[in-house]
Protein backbone atom coordinates (compact mmCIF):
# COMPACT_ATOMS: atom_id res chain seq x y z
CA MET A 1 0.00 0.00 0.00
CA GLN A 2 1.39 3.43 -0.94
CA GLN A 3 1.49 6.21 1.63
CA VAL A 4 2.70 9.82 1.77
CA LYS A 5 4.69 11.50 4.55
CA ILE A 6 5.41 15.24 4.63
CA PHE A 7 8.36 16.61 6.61
CA LYS A 8 8.80 20.34 7.26
CA SER A 9 11.72 22.25 8.71
CA VAL A 10 13.87 25.33 8.10
CA ASP A 11 17.07 25.41 6.10
CA THR A 12 19.19 26.13 9.17
CA GLU A 13 18.18 22.71 10.58
CA LEU A 14 18.80 20.45 7.56
CA ASP A 15 20.95 18.01 9.54
CA ASP A 16 18.09 17.42 11.98
CA LEU A 17 15.62 17.03 9.12
CA GLU A 18 17.83 14.45 7.45
CA LYS A 19 18.11 12.50 10.71
CA GLN A 20 14.33 12.66 11.20
CA ILE A 21 13.69 11.30 7.69
CA ASN A 22 16.23 8.49 8.04
CA ARG A 23 14.87 7.58 11.48
CA PHE A 24 11.33 7.37 10.05
CA ILE A 25 12.51 5.06 7.26
CA ARG A 26 14.37 2.74 9.65
CA LYS A 27 11.71 2.71 12.39
CA ASN A 28 8.83 1.98 10.02
CA ASN A 29 10.76 -0.33 7.69
CA VAL A 30 9.32 1.38 4.62
CA ARG A 31 10.31 1.07 0.98
CA VAL A 32 10.85 4.61 -0.34
CA LEU A 33 9.45 5.12 -3.83
CA SER A 34 10.34 8.80 -4.25
CA ILE A 35 11.41 11.86 -2.31
CA SER A 36 11.03 15.44 -3.47
CA GLY A 37 11.50 18.74 -1.74
CA ASN A 38 11.05 22.46 -1.92
CA HIS A 39 13.02 25.30 -0.40
CA SER A 40 11.11 28.53 0.12
CA ALA A 41 13.59 31.30 0.87
CA SER A 42 12.54 34.82 1.74
CA MET A 43 14.45 37.92 0.76
CA ASP A 44 16.30 39.65 3.59
CA THR A 45 14.72 43.08 4.04
CA GLY A 46 17.68 44.35 6.03
CA GLY A 47 20.23 46.82 4.75
CA GLY A 48 22.64 44.14 3.51
CA PRO A 49 23.81 43.51 -0.04
CA MET A 50 21.28 42.60 -2.69
CA ASN A 51 20.36 38.92 -3.21
CA THR A 52 20.88 38.10 0.47
CA PHE A 53 18.48 35.44 1.75
CA SER A 54 17.33 34.77 5.27
CA GLY A 55 16.34 31.33 6.52
CA GLY A 56 13.55 29.63 4.64
CA ASP A 57 11.15 26.74 4.93
CA VAL A 58 12.07 23.31 3.62
CA THR A 59 9.36 20.81 2.76
CA VAL A 60 10.12 17.19 1.88
CA ILE A 61 7.46 14.87 0.48
CA MET A 62 8.12 11.14 0.63
CA LEU A 63 6.13 8.52 -1.23
CA PHE A 64 6.66 5.12 0.34
CA GLU A 65 5.23 1.66 0.38
CA ILE A 66 4.23 -0.52 3.30
CA GLU A 67 2.74 -3.97 3.41
CA SER A 68 -1.04 -3.98 3.24
CA PRO A 69 -2.64 -4.79 6.60
CA SER A 70 -4.01 -8.32 6.89
CA ARG A 71 -7.76 -8.60 7.16
């Protein structure tokens, strides 16, 4: 049976997000079919140089497969 899991974090905590995703895979013994992600950065409105970005949201969508429950 195919399932979807959505993970959300910020780009300053990517190491923790990676650990969370890997822990989920190991703990639930899932077969990952695909992983995709999106980084939504916001422009820094401070007085710094142009094209400076502040921290942004990171969303990871995982499609995985688990065994169908027995009836």
